[in-house]
């Protein structure tokens, strides 16, 4: 039984990783999860300089998930290179670094800094607001998606994953723009913009007013978007959005995802990723599937 998957020439022992921002940079979950058992570990988003993030409160529970407006708080790429990457190199897993920025130049600076680091893949978070273009997120304009992808690819020494935002009219248009810009892989979906109001205090629950919704409630939207994108691009897809169990992960694979990422589930069940790995293997045994690649995009 073969669970190995290939992402732009990088072979993962299985298709399961965790979603950026839900796992620290691996060290935080090391006591609960044997990182050797994961196909890859994805770091929290990292910028060229430390970011303080948004004011608190910045997390709220909602039906079927949570809202977060952390604001991509991170200690900067130098701390990642000195502390987190050496830690992750102890394990038999691939390393994916999630990159964020406020301008194209910010992204390029991080990508160049990581060029000679032992990192396997770069995941570019284009849900960040583009400060030079009035704060519209890079990922909400197909021309901007194609342009930033093309620029990042000029400097990247590792294969590039473009992480797509669902907060768009047509996800397929964004996916094609990223592919046209030279993306090696796509990951989707990022969080859906939401809001919660405290009716007793008559004010917003989050200091930022809006936040990104994640968790099981968004899974049907995410599966639909992965399926749509799989119909129009030729590059691999990492599917995510509301995966709690192996059954959820398999839905994404059948819809066209080569790999999957487990996010919000980690907060309530630290071993969710390992359970997904084992559950996918059990499913393959039950359905007599010898190679996981045979399941990718099987549902047409």
Protein backbone atom coordinates (compact mmCIF):
# COMPACT_ATOMS: atom_id res chain seq x y z
CA UNK A 1 0.00 0.00 0.00
CA UNK A 2 1.59 3.26 -1.15
CA UNK A 3 0.63 6.47 0.67
CA UNK A 4 3.43 8.58 -0.82
CA UNK A 5 2.47 11.70 -2.76
CA UNK A 6 4.54 14.00 -4.95
CA UNK A 7 4.31 17.77 -4.75
CA UNK A 8 6.37 19.38 -7.54
CA UNK A 9 9.17 16.84 -7.16
CA UNK A 10 9.06 16.75 -3.34
CA UNK A 11 7.94 13.34 -2.10
CA UNK A 12 5.89 13.15 1.10
CA UNK A 13 5.53 9.81 2.90
CA UNK A 14 1.79 10.49 3.22
CA UNK A 15 -0.56 13.32 2.17
CA UNK A 16 -1.20 14.76 5.65
CA UNK A 17 0.19 18.00 7.05
CA UNK A 18 -1.26 20.64 9.37
CA UNK A 19 -2.48 24.02 8.23
CA UNK A 20 -0.34 27.07 8.89
CA UNK A 21 -1.10 28.97 12.08
CA UNK A 22 -2.68 26.03 13.92
CA UNK A 23 0.46 24.20 15.00
CA UNK A 24 2.99 26.87 15.91
CA UNK A 25 6.06 25.89 13.94
CA UNK A 26 6.02 22.27 15.08
CA UNK A 27 7.83 22.58 18.40
CA UNK A 28 4.61 23.57 20.19
CA UNK A 29 2.94 20.26 19.28
CA UNK A 30 6.03 18.06 19.57
CA UNK A 31 4.92 16.69 22.95
CA UNK A 32 1.59 15.51 21.55
CA UNK A 33 2.41 14.47 17.99
CA UNK A 34 5.21 12.33 16.55
CA UNK A 35 6.21 14.70 13.77
CA UNK A 36 7.95 11.79 12.00
CA UNK A 37 4.53 10.43 11.12
CA UNK A 38 3.41 13.50 9.17
CA UNK A 39 3.97 14.01 5.47
CA UNK A 40 5.04 17.60 6.18
CA UNK A 41 5.00 20.26 8.88
CA UNK A 42 3.84 23.75 7.86
CA UNK A 43 5.19 26.66 9.90
CA UNK A 44 3.15 29.61 11.11
CA UNK A 45 3.29 32.51 8.66
CA UNK A 46 6.62 34.34 8.76
CA UNK A 47 7.49 37.84 7.57
CA UNK A 48 10.74 39.65 6.87
CA UNK A 49 10.48 41.44 10.23
CA UNK A 50 8.59 40.62 13.46
CA UNK A 51 4.85 41.44 13.40
CA UNK A 52 2.95 42.26 16.59
CA UNK A 53 -0.41 41.22 15.15
CA UNK A 54 -3.82 42.70 15.92
CA UNK A 55 -5.13 44.01 19.26
CA UNK A 56 -7.02 41.61 21.54
CA UNK A 57 -9.55 40.05 21.77
CA UNK A 58 -8.72 38.25 18.56
CA UNK A 59 -10.26 34.76 18.82
CA UNK A 60 -13.93 33.84 19.20
CA UNK A 61 -15.83 30.56 19.09
CA UNK A 62 -18.77 30.31 16.68
CA UNK A 63 -21.10 27.48 15.69
CA UNK A 64 -19.06 24.86 13.88
CA UNK A 65 -15.71 26.58 14.25
CA UNK A 66 -13.95 29.75 15.26
CA UNK A 67 -13.07 33.26 14.16
CA UNK A 68 -9.53 34.53 14.39
CA UNK A 69 -8.00 37.92 13.75
CA UNK A 70 -4.48 37.22 15.00
CA UNK A 71 -3.01 39.47 12.33
CA UNK A 72 -0.21 37.01 11.46
CA UNK A 73 1.77 37.75 14.62
CA UNK A 74 5.23 36.23 14.15
CA UNK A 75 8.81 36.71 15.37
CA UNK A 76 10.27 37.22 11.88
CA UNK A 77 12.26 35.04 9.50
CA UNK A 78 15.55 35.23 11.43
CA UNK A 79 14.03 33.54 14.49
CA UNK A 80 12.52 30.88 12.23
CA UNK A 81 15.92 30.17 10.67
CA UNK A 82 17.78 30.10 13.98
CA UNK A 83 15.23 28.24 16.12
CA UNK A 84 12.42 26.50 14.24
CA UNK A 85 14.09 25.08 11.14
CA UNK A 86 16.90 23.39 13.16
CA UNK A 87 14.23 21.88 15.44
CA UNK A 88 12.23 20.51 12.49
CA UNK A 89 15.35 19.06 10.84
CA UNK A 90 15.50 16.49 13.66
CA UNK A 91 12.43 14.78 12.21
CA UNK A 92 11.78 12.65 9.14
CA UNK A 93 9.23 15.00 7.62
CA UNK A 94 9.19 17.69 4.97
CA UNK A 95 9.34 21.36 5.99
CA UNK A 96 6.94 23.90 4.48
CA UNK A 97 7.44 27.56 5.41
CA UNK A 98 4.40 29.82 5.15
CA UNK A 99 5.40 33.31 3.98
CA UNK A 100 3.46 36.55 4.52
CA UNK A 101 4.10 40.18 3.64
CA UNK A 102 2.55 43.60 3.13
CA UNK A 103 4.31 44.35 -0.16
CA UNK A 104 5.75 42.22 -2.94
CA UNK A 105 9.21 43.23 -1.71
CA UNK A 106 8.43 41.81 1.75
CA UNK A 107 7.64 38.39 0.28
CA UNK A 108 10.75 38.42 -1.89
CA UNK A 109 12.96 39.28 1.08
CA UNK A 110 11.72 36.23 3.00
CA UNK A 111 11.91 33.93 -0.02
CA UNK A 112 15.50 35.00 -0.70
CA UNK A 113 16.46 34.52 2.97
CA UNK A 114 15.08 30.97 2.86
CA UNK A 115 16.86 30.12 -0.39
CA UNK A 116 19.78 28.36 1.29
CA UNK A 117 17.88 27.01 4.28
CA UNK A 118 16.95 23.28 4.44
CA UNK A 119 13.31 24.00 3.60
CA UNK A 120 11.38 21.81 1.13
CA UNK A 121 8.47 24.02 0.05
CA UNK A 122 7.33 27.63 0.37
CA UNK A 123 3.64 28.42 0.93
CA UNK A 124 2.81 32.01 -0.02
CA UNK A 125 -0.09 33.49 1.95
CA UNK A 126 -1.74 35.93 -0.46
CA UNK A 127 -4.63 36.71 1.88
CA UNK A 128 -2.42 39.51 3.26
CA UNK A 129 -3.51 43.10 2.53
CA UNK A 130 -1.37 44.76 -0.14
CA UNK A 131 -0.49 48.07 1.54
CA UNK A 132 0.75 49.59 -1.72
CA UNK A 133 -2.59 48.94 -3.41
CA UNK A 134 -4.90 50.40 -0.78
CA UNK A 135 -5.10 47.34 1.46
CA UNK A 136 -6.88 44.99 -0.98
CA UNK A 137 -5.60 41.46 -0.35
CA UNK A 138 -3.17 40.16 -3.01
CA UNK A 139 -5.40 37.12 -3.42
CA UNK A 140 -8.56 39.01 -4.35
CA UNK A 141 -7.40 40.29 -7.76
CA UNK A 142 -6.36 37.79 -10.44
CA UNK A 143 -3.82 40.21 -11.94
CA UNK A 144 -2.23 40.68 -8.52
CA UNK A 145 -2.23 36.90 -7.95
CA UNK A 146 -0.43 36.28 -11.23
CA UNK A 147 2.00 39.16 -10.66
CA UNK A 148 3.07 38.20 -7.14
CA UNK A 149 3.36 34.53 -8.12
CA UNK A 150 5.62 35.46 -11.01
CA UNK A 151 7.80 37.70 -8.80
CA UNK A 152 8.13 35.11 -6.02
CA UNK A 153 9.03 32.41 -8.55
CA UNK A 154 11.92 34.55 -9.85
CA UNK A 155 13.62 34.37 -6.45
CA UNK A 156 12.44 31.07 -4.95
CA UNK A 157 14.85 28.15 -4.87
CA UNK A 158 12.14 25.80 -3.53
CA UNK A 159 8.84 24.87 -5.19
CA UNK A 160 6.15 27.49 -4.54
CA UNK A 161 2.66 26.83 -3.13
CA UNK A 162 0.21 29.69 -3.61
CA UNK A 163 -2.42 29.69 -0.84
CA UNK A 164 -5.73 30.89 -2.23
CA UNK A 165 -8.35 32.97 -0.42
CA UNK A 166 -12.00 31.86 -0.68
CA UNK A 167 -13.16 35.47 -0.32
CA UNK A 168 -13.48 35.92 -4.08
CA UNK A 169 -16.21 35.70 -6.71
CA UNK A 170 -14.63 32.83 -8.64
CA UNK A 171 -11.89 30.67 -7.07
CA UNK A 172 -11.15 29.04 -10.44
CA UNK A 173 -10.10 32.39 -11.91
CA UNK A 174 -7.63 32.91 -9.04
CA UNK A 175 -6.28 29.39 -9.41
CA UNK A 176 -5.67 29.84 -13.13
CA UNK A 177 -3.96 33.19 -12.43
CA UNK A 178 -1.59 31.55 -9.95
CA UNK A 179 -0.84 28.72 -12.39
CA UNK A 180 -0.19 31.27 -15.15
CA UNK A 181 2.24 33.05 -12.84
CA UNK A 182 4.23 29.84 -12.44
CA UNK A 183 2.90 28.36 -9.19
CA UNK A 184 4.06 24.79 -8.63
CA UNK A 185 1.24 23.87 -6.22
CA UNK A 186 -1.96 25.46 -4.89
CA UNK A 187 -3.35 25.26 -1.37
CA UNK A 188 -6.95 26.10 -0.55
CA UNK A 189 -8.93 27.30 1.17
CA UNK A 190 -7.79 29.96 3.60
CA UNK A 191 -10.36 31.30 6.09
CA UNK A 192 -13.72 32.83 5.18
CA UNK A 193 -14.28 36.38 6.46
CA UNK A 194 -16.84 36.48 9.28
CA UNK A 195 -18.08 38.52 12.23
CA UNK A 196 -19.57 38.00 15.69
CA UNK A 197 -21.40 40.57 17.82
CA UNK A 198 -21.87 40.43 21.60
CA UNK A 199 -25.54 41.40 21.94
CA UNK A 200 -25.33 42.18 25.68
CA UNK A 201 -22.35 44.49 25.33
CA UNK A 202 -23.64 45.57 21.89
CA UNK A 203 -20.20 45.54 20.38
CA UNK A 204 -17.96 43.41 18.19
CA UNK A 205 -16.48 40.34 19.85
CA UNK A 206 -13.20 40.79 17.97
CA UNK A 207 -11.22 44.01 18.29
CA UNK A 208 -10.62 43.82 14.54
CA UNK A 209 -14.43 43.59 13.96
CA UNK A 210 -13.98 40.83 11.35
CA UNK A 211 -11.97 37.64 11.47
CA UNK A 212 -11.24 34.53 9.46
CA UNK A 213 -13.71 31.71 10.02
CA UNK A 214 -12.34 28.18 10.12
CA UNK A 215 -13.53 24.81 11.35
CA UNK A 216 -15.97 22.11 10.22
CA UNK A 217 -18.70 24.54 9.14
CA UNK A 218 -16.60 25.70 6.17
CA UNK A 219 -15.76 22.20 4.88
CA UNK A 220 -18.53 21.93 2.25
CA UNK A 221 -17.40 25.25 0.77
CA UNK A 222 -13.77 24.12 0.80
CA UNK A 223 -14.51 20.76 -0.85
CA UNK A 224 -16.50 22.51 -3.57
CA UNK A 225 -13.69 24.96 -4.24
CA UNK A 226 -11.03 22.23 -4.38
CA UNK A 227 -13.18 20.34 -6.86
CA UNK A 228 -13.69 23.46 -9.00
CA UNK A 229 -9.98 24.25 -9.05
CA UNK A 230 -9.02 20.66 -9.83
CA UNK A 231 -11.08 20.90 -13.03
CA UNK A 232 -9.12 23.89 -14.39
CA UNK A 233 -5.46 23.49 -13.33
CA UNK A 234 -2.81 20.86 -13.98
CA UNK A 235 -0.73 21.46 -10.83
CA UNK A 236 -1.21 19.63 -7.51
CA UNK A 237 -3.63 20.93 -4.86
CA UNK A 238 -3.35 20.82 -1.07
CA UNK A 239 -6.92 20.79 0.26
CA UNK A 240 -7.91 22.26 3.61
CA UNK A 241 -10.86 23.79 5.41
CA UNK A 242 -12.73 22.08 8.23
CA UNK A 243 -10.94 18.71 8.22
CA UNK A 244 -11.57 16.96 11.55
CA UNK A 245 -11.25 13.30 10.57
CA UNK A 246 -9.77 10.97 7.97
CA UNK A 247 -13.20 10.82 6.33
CA UNK A 248 -13.06 14.58 5.83
CA UNK A 249 -9.55 14.34 4.39
CA UNK A 250 -10.61 11.62 1.95
CA UNK A 251 -13.43 13.85 0.67
CA UNK A 252 -10.84 16.42 -0.36
CA UNK A 253 -8.66 13.78 -2.03
CA UNK A 254 -11.61 12.39 -4.00
CA UNK A 255 -12.45 15.97 -5.04
CA UNK A 256 -8.96 16.44 -6.49
CA UNK A 257 -6.50 17.24 -3.68
CA UNK A 258 -3.13 15.47 -3.79
CA UNK A 259 -2.48 16.34 -0.13
CA UNK A 260 -4.49 17.73 2.78
CA UNK A 261 -3.92 20.05 5.73
CA UNK A 262 -5.62 19.80 9.13
CA UNK A 263 -6.17 23.17 10.83
CA UNK A 264 -8.65 24.15 13.53
CA UNK A 265 -9.09 20.50 14.59
CA UNK A 266 -5.62 20.67 16.20
CA UNK A 267 -6.94 23.05 18.85
CA UNK A 268 -9.48 20.59 20.23
CA UNK A 269 -7.65 17.37 19.36
CA UNK A 270 -3.85 17.66 19.20
CA UNK A 271 -3.56 14.21 17.58
CA UNK A 272 -6.01 14.96 14.74
CA UNK A 273 -3.26 14.83 12.10
CA UNK A 274 -2.02 11.39 13.18
CA UNK A 275 -5.59 10.09 13.29
CA UNK A 276 -6.04 11.27 9.71
CA UNK A 277 -2.87 9.46 8.59
CA UNK A 278 -4.03 6.19 10.19
CA UNK A 279 -7.62 6.62 9.00
CA UNK A 280 -6.57 7.14 5.38
CA UNK A 281 -4.50 3.93 5.56
CA UNK A 282 -7.48 2.04 6.99
CA UNK A 283 -9.74 3.40 4.24
CA UNK A 284 -7.27 2.26 1.59
CA UNK A 285 -7.17 -1.23 3.10
CA UNK A 286 -10.96 -1.40 3.29
CA UNK A 287 -11.40 -0.29 -0.31
CA UNK A 288 -8.41 -2.33 -1.55
CA UNK A 289 -6.62 0.77 -2.85
CA UNK A 290 -2.94 0.02 -3.47
CA UNK A 291 -1.81 3.56 -4.33
CA UNK A 292 -3.30 6.74 -2.89
CA UNK A 293 -2.77 8.48 -6.23
CA UNK A 294 -5.62 6.36 -7.57
CA UNK A 295 -8.01 8.22 -5.25
CA UNK A 296 -7.01 11.76 -6.27
CA UNK A 297 -9.84 13.37 -8.21
CA UNK A 298 -11.69 10.08 -8.56
CA UNK A 299 -15.07 11.76 -8.18
CA UNK A 300 -15.89 13.53 -11.42
